[in-house]
């Protein structure tokens, strides 16, 4: 990731990632397509930990592959419509952060079928229309002053990182 990458795309608020991370640490969450049950599970997880993260001075930002209207509508279902969001239909930020297209095993492997049932049916996140690249792998990175200080690039689309563990304990 280069300084140019941090200035490549503007958020819905007109800020670059460089500008955003200069003001506070940013938990940059790269989502799968908005119809994916794991994307929806991620949004629900972020909704649950949002106050914990914000109390530590962390800004949550979301990267998606859809239109801003579709993203805002989906994020509103999880109380996240007001967080900075970056529309990245061409996946330039995804690539800059090393997030690639998944393999068939990473997308459709047995562990993912089990987890998809748990998230989609058990937790009622459901499944929606494909919006974006269905093979794009998700990930999450903590960026502070333009530098990645922690991160998790998903090995499976069903990975469920503990976002709080990515945040260093502040004395």
C-alpha atoms as a PDB file:
ATOM      1  CA  UNK A   1       0.000   0.000   0.000  1.00  0.00           C
ATOM      2  CA  UNK A   2       1.388   3.383  -0.981  1.00  0.00           C
ATOM      3  CA  UNK A   3       0.558   6.957  -0.048  1.00  0.00           C
ATOM      4  CA  UNK A   4      -1.047   7.240  -3.491  1.00  0.00           C
ATOM      5  CA  UNK A   5      -3.361   4.346  -2.604  1.00  0.00           C
ATOM      6  CA  UNK A   6      -4.539   6.218   0.500  1.00  0.00           C
ATOM      7  CA  UNK A   7      -5.524   9.178  -1.670  1.00  0.00           C
ATOM      8  CA  UNK A   8      -7.026   7.151  -4.518  1.00  0.00           C
ATOM      9  CA  UNK A   9     -10.717   7.097  -3.583  1.00  0.00           C
ATOM     10  CA  UNK A  10     -12.901   9.585  -1.722  1.00  0.00           C
ATOM     11  CA  UNK A  11     -15.351   8.510   0.957  1.00  0.00           C
ATOM     12  CA  UNK A  12     -19.011   9.473   0.857  1.00  0.00           C
ATOM     13  CA  UNK A  13     -17.925  12.446   3.005  1.00  0.00           C
ATOM     14  CA  UNK A  14     -15.318  13.609   0.483  1.00  0.00           C
ATOM     15  CA  UNK A  15     -12.325  12.479   2.569  1.00  0.00           C
ATOM     16  CA  UNK A  16      -9.444  10.307   1.461  1.00  0.00           C
ATOM     17  CA  UNK A  17      -8.238   7.439   3.612  1.00  0.00           C
ATOM     18  CA  UNK A  18      -5.045   9.425   4.259  1.00  0.00           C
ATOM     19  CA  UNK A  19      -7.074  12.352   5.613  1.00  0.00           C
ATOM     20  CA  UNK A  20      -9.301  10.098   7.690  1.00  0.00           C
ATOM     21  CA  UNK A  21      -6.406   8.172   9.271  1.00  0.00           C
ATOM     22  CA  UNK A  22      -4.563  11.404  10.080  1.00  0.00           C
ATOM     23  CA  UNK A  23      -7.347  12.373  12.488  1.00  0.00           C
ATOM     24  CA  UNK A  24      -7.768   9.003  14.275  1.00  0.00           C
ATOM     25  CA  UNK A  25      -7.048   5.282  13.834  1.00  0.00           C
ATOM     26  CA  UNK A  26      -9.344   3.811  11.172  1.00  0.00           C
ATOM     27  CA  UNK A  27     -10.680   0.263  11.171  1.00  0.00           C
ATOM     28  CA  UNK A  28     -10.981  -0.207   7.406  1.00  0.00           C
ATOM     29  CA  UNK A  29     -13.378  -3.086   6.726  1.00  0.00           C
ATOM     30  CA  UNK A  30     -13.356  -4.445   3.182  1.00  0.00           C
ATOM     31  CA  UNK A  31     -16.676  -6.169   2.569  1.00  0.00           C
ATOM     32  CA  UNK A  32     -17.741  -8.909   0.206  1.00  0.00           C
ATOM     33  CA  UNK A  33     -20.668  -8.093  -2.054  1.00  0.00           C
ATOM     34  CA  UNK A  34     -23.694  -6.718  -0.197  1.00  0.00           C
ATOM     35  CA  UNK A  35     -25.839  -9.764  -0.980  1.00  0.00           C
ATOM     36  CA  UNK A  36     -23.399 -12.082   0.794  1.00  0.00           C
ATOM     37  CA  UNK A  37     -24.604 -13.452   4.129  1.00  0.00           C
ATOM     38  CA  UNK A  38     -21.071 -13.033   5.523  1.00  0.00           C
ATOM     39  CA  UNK A  39     -21.071  -9.353   4.542  1.00  0.00           C
ATOM     40  CA  UNK A  40     -24.299  -8.944   6.476  1.00  0.00           C
ATOM     41  CA  UNK A  41     -22.869 -10.882   9.414  1.00  0.00           C
ATOM     42  CA  UNK A  42     -19.853  -8.558   9.376  1.00  0.00           C
ATOM     43  CA  UNK A  43     -22.134  -5.518   9.507  1.00  0.00           C
ATOM     44  CA  UNK A  44     -24.023  -7.020  12.469  1.00  0.00           C
ATOM     45  CA  UNK A  45     -20.720  -7.754  14.241  1.00  0.00           C
ATOM     46  CA  UNK A  46     -19.565  -4.173  13.667  1.00  0.00           C
ATOM     47  CA  UNK A  47     -22.862  -2.851  14.984  1.00  0.00           C
ATOM     48  CA  UNK A  48     -22.278  -4.840  18.199  1.00  0.00           C
ATOM     49  CA  UNK A  49     -18.707  -3.597  18.790  1.00  0.00           C
ATOM     50  CA  UNK A  50     -19.072  -0.080  17.424  1.00  0.00           C
ATOM     51  CA  UNK A  51     -19.376   1.697  20.775  1.00  0.00           C
ATOM     52  CA  UNK A  52     -16.353  -0.212  22.149  1.00  0.00           C
ATOM     53  CA  UNK A  53     -14.231   0.789  19.155  1.00  0.00           C
ATOM     54  CA  UNK A  54     -15.385   4.394  19.128  1.00  0.00           C
ATOM     55  CA  UNK A  55     -14.747   4.726  22.881  1.00  0.00           C
ATOM     56  CA  UNK A  56     -11.103   3.931  22.060  1.00  0.00           C
ATOM     57  CA  UNK A  57     -11.032   6.663  19.427  1.00  0.00           C
ATOM     58  CA  UNK A  58     -11.289   4.310  16.439  1.00  0.00           C
ATOM     59  CA  UNK A  59     -13.252   5.276  13.324  1.00  0.00           C
ATOM     60  CA  UNK A  60     -14.977   2.443  11.452  1.00  0.00           C
ATOM     61  CA  UNK A  61     -14.859   2.830   7.657  1.00  0.00           C
ATOM     62  CA  UNK A  62     -16.401   0.453   5.139  1.00  0.00           C
ATOM     63  CA  UNK A  63     -15.205  -0.408   1.633  1.00  0.00           C
ATOM     64  CA  UNK A  64     -17.772  -1.903  -0.727  1.00  0.00           C
ATOM     65  CA  UNK A  65     -18.258  -2.687  -4.424  1.00  0.00           C
ATOM     66  CA  UNK A  66     -21.788  -1.288  -4.825  1.00  0.00           C
ATOM     67  CA  UNK A  67     -23.390   2.066  -5.496  1.00  0.00           C
ATOM     68  CA  UNK A  68     -23.386   4.492  -2.594  1.00  0.00           C
ATOM     69  CA  UNK A  69     -27.187   4.356  -2.448  1.00  0.00           C
ATOM     70  CA  UNK A  70     -27.219   0.550  -2.179  1.00  0.00           C
ATOM     71  CA  UNK A  71     -24.492   0.652   0.473  1.00  0.00           C
ATOM     72  CA  UNK A  72     -26.188   3.371   2.526  1.00  0.00           C
ATOM     73  CA  UNK A  73     -29.454   1.434   2.429  1.00  0.00           C
ATOM     74  CA  UNK A  74     -27.796  -1.817   3.541  1.00  0.00           C
ATOM     75  CA  UNK A  75     -25.651  -0.150   6.206  1.00  0.00           C
ATOM     76  CA  UNK A  76     -28.732   1.613   7.629  1.00  0.00           C
ATOM     77  CA  UNK A  77     -30.219  -1.809   8.438  1.00  0.00           C
ATOM     78  CA  UNK A  78     -27.308  -2.225  10.864  1.00  0.00           C
ATOM     79  CA  UNK A  79     -27.141   1.342  12.193  1.00  0.00           C
ATOM     80  CA  UNK A  80     -23.950   2.021  10.225  1.00  0.00           C
ATOM     81  CA  UNK A  81     -25.233   4.466   7.609  1.00  0.00           C
ATOM     82  CA  UNK A  82     -23.270   7.312   9.197  1.00  0.00           C
ATOM     83  CA  UNK A  83     -19.816   5.693   9.083  1.00  0.00           C
ATOM     84  CA  UNK A  84     -17.430   6.723   6.296  1.00  0.00           C
ATOM     85  CA  UNK A  85     -17.795   4.458   3.282  1.00  0.00           C
ATOM     86  CA  UNK A  86     -15.713   4.019   0.175  1.00  0.00           C
ATOM     87  CA  UNK A  87     -17.323   2.805  -3.055  1.00  0.00           C
ATOM     88  CA  UNK A  88     -14.697   0.735  -4.876  1.00  0.00           C
ATOM     89  CA  UNK A  89     -16.473  -0.899  -7.812  1.00  0.00           C
ATOM     90  CA  UNK A  90     -13.193  -1.493  -9.649  1.00  0.00           C
ATOM     91  CA  UNK A  91     -11.589  -2.962  -6.502  1.00  0.00           C
ATOM     92  CA  UNK A  92      -8.528  -0.687  -6.620  1.00  0.00           C
ATOM     93  CA  UNK A  93      -8.375  -0.348  -2.830  1.00  0.00           C
ATOM     94  CA  UNK A  94      -8.959  -4.080  -2.402  1.00  0.00           C
ATOM     95  CA  UNK A  95      -5.932  -4.804  -4.602  1.00  0.00           C
ATOM     96  CA  UNK A  96      -3.823  -2.079  -2.970  1.00  0.00           C
ATOM     97  CA  UNK A  97      -4.385  -3.799   0.383  1.00  0.00           C
ATOM     98  CA  UNK A  98      -3.493  -7.202  -1.052  1.00  0.00           C
ATOM     99  CA  UNK A  99      -7.036  -8.577  -1.095  1.00  0.00           C
ATOM    100  CA  UNK A 100      -7.472 -10.826  -4.106  1.00  0.00           C
ATOM    101  CA  UNK A 101     -10.108 -12.956  -5.747  1.00  0.00           C
ATOM    102  CA  UNK A 102     -10.756 -16.098  -3.761  1.00  0.00           C
ATOM    103  CA  UNK A 103     -10.321 -19.645  -4.961  1.00  0.00           C
ATOM    104  CA  UNK A 104     -13.261 -22.013  -5.322  1.00  0.00           C
ATOM    105  CA  UNK A 105     -12.265 -23.555  -1.977  1.00  0.00           C
ATOM    106  CA  UNK A 106     -12.157 -20.180  -0.218  1.00  0.00           C
ATOM    107  CA  UNK A 107     -15.595 -19.284  -1.544  1.00  0.00           C
ATOM    108  CA  UNK A 108     -17.438 -22.609  -1.712  1.00  0.00           C
ATOM    109  CA  UNK A 109     -15.451 -24.892   0.628  1.00  0.00           C
ATOM    110  CA  UNK A 110     -17.259 -27.158   3.136  1.00  0.00           C
ATOM    111  CA  UNK A 111     -16.531 -24.904   6.127  1.00  0.00           C
ATOM    112  CA  UNK A 112     -18.213 -22.034   4.276  1.00  0.00           C
ATOM    113  CA  UNK A 113     -21.383 -24.024   3.595  1.00  0.00           C
ATOM    114  CA  UNK A 114     -21.772 -24.775   7.296  1.00  0.00           C
ATOM    115  CA  UNK A 115     -21.074 -21.178   8.279  1.00  0.00           C
ATOM    116  CA  UNK A 116     -23.382 -19.859   5.521  1.00  0.00           C
ATOM    117  CA  UNK A 117     -26.236 -21.873   6.977  1.00  0.00           C
ATOM    118  CA  UNK A 118     -25.459 -20.580  10.488  1.00  0.00           C
ATOM    119  CA  UNK A 119     -25.217 -16.941   9.363  1.00  0.00           C
ATOM    120  CA  UNK A 120     -27.902 -16.957   6.689  1.00  0.00           C
ATOM    121  CA  UNK A 121     -30.562 -19.058   8.381  1.00  0.00           C
ATOM    122  CA  UNK A 122     -29.588 -19.354  12.046  1.00  0.00           C
ATOM    123  CA  UNK A 123     -28.723 -15.681  12.521  1.00  0.00           C
ATOM    124  CA  UNK A 124     -31.252 -14.552   9.878  1.00  0.00           C
ATOM    125  CA  UNK A 125     -28.829 -12.496   7.805  1.00  0.00           C
ATOM    126  CA  UNK A 126     -30.200 -14.055   4.631  1.00  0.00           C
ATOM    127  CA  UNK A 127     -28.751 -13.801   1.157  1.00  0.00           C
ATOM    128  CA  UNK A 128     -29.349 -11.098  -1.413  1.00  0.00           C
ATOM    129  CA  UNK A 129     -28.526 -10.216  -4.975  1.00  0.00           C
ATOM    130  CA  UNK A 130     -24.892 -10.304  -6.083  1.00  0.00           C
ATOM    131  CA  UNK A 131     -23.570  -6.723  -6.130  1.00  0.00           C
ATOM    132  CA  UNK A 132     -19.920  -6.607  -7.084  1.00  0.00           C
ATOM    133  CA  UNK A 133     -17.415  -9.370  -7.627  1.00  0.00           C
ATOM    134  CA  UNK A 134     -18.597 -12.593  -5.996  1.00  0.00           C
ATOM    135  CA  UNK A 135     -15.038 -13.902  -5.751  1.00  0.00           C
ATOM    136  CA  UNK A 136     -13.570 -10.854  -3.989  1.00  0.00           C
ATOM    137  CA  UNK A 137     -12.077 -11.774  -0.621  1.00  0.00           C
ATOM    138  CA  UNK A 138     -12.776  -9.513   2.364  1.00  0.00           C
ATOM    139  CA  UNK A 139     -10.399  -8.216   5.001  1.00  0.00           C
ATOM    140  CA  UNK A 140      -9.929  -5.664   7.747  1.00  0.00           C
ATOM    141  CA  UNK A 141      -7.026  -3.345   8.543  1.00  0.00           C
ATOM    142  CA  UNK A 142      -6.299  -0.850  11.302  1.00  0.00           C
ATOM    143  CA  UNK A 143      -4.685   2.229   9.781  1.00  0.00           C
ATOM    144  CA  UNK A 144      -3.113   4.923  11.928  1.00  0.00           C
ATOM    145  CA  UNK A 145      -1.431   7.994  10.444  1.00  0.00           C
ATOM    146  CA  UNK A 146      -1.421   6.321   7.029  1.00  0.00           C
ATOM    147  CA  UNK A 147       0.266   3.126   8.251  1.00  0.00           C
ATOM    148  CA  UNK A 148      -1.268  -0.332   8.589  1.00  0.00           C
ATOM    149  CA  UNK A 149      -0.735  -1.338  12.224  1.00  0.00           C
ATOM    150  CA  UNK A 150      -2.868  -4.504  12.277  1.00  0.00           C
ATOM    151  CA  UNK A 151      -4.939  -6.516   9.880  1.00  0.00           C
ATOM    152  CA  UNK A 152      -6.681  -9.693   8.878  1.00  0.00           C
ATOM    153  CA  UNK A 153      -6.920 -10.861   5.269  1.00  0.00           C
ATOM    154  CA  UNK A 154      -9.592 -13.548   5.253  1.00  0.00           C
ATOM    155  CA  UNK A 155      -8.461 -17.072   4.414  1.00  0.00           C
ATOM    156  CA  UNK A 156     -12.091 -18.130   3.951  1.00  0.00           C
ATOM    157  CA  UNK A 157     -15.040 -15.903   3.073  1.00  0.00           C
ATOM    158  CA  UNK A 158     -16.593 -17.080   6.338  1.00  0.00           C
ATOM    159  CA  UNK A 159     -13.759 -15.869   8.610  1.00  0.00           C
ATOM    160  CA  UNK A 160     -15.099 -13.891  11.530  1.00  0.00           C
ATOM    161  CA  UNK A 161     -12.321 -11.761  13.040  1.00  0.00           C
ATOM    162  CA  UNK A 162     -12.610 -10.246  16.499  1.00  0.00           C
ATOM    163  CA  UNK A 163     -12.353  -6.569  15.614  1.00  0.00           C
ATOM    164  CA  UNK A 164     -11.572  -5.536  19.182  1.00  0.00           C
ATOM    165  CA  UNK A 165      -8.406  -7.658  19.157  1.00  0.00           C
ATOM    166  CA  UNK A 166      -7.049  -5.626  16.242  1.00  0.00           C
ATOM    167  CA  UNK A 167      -7.051  -2.482  18.387  1.00  0.00           C
ATOM    168  CA  UNK A 168      -3.966  -1.972  20.578  1.00  0.00           C
ATOM    169  CA  UNK A 169      -4.702  -1.369  24.241  1.00  0.00           C
ATOM    170  CA  UNK A 170      -4.145   2.288  25.025  1.00  0.00           C
ATOM    171  CA  UNK A 171      -2.653   3.178  28.374  1.00  0.00           C
END
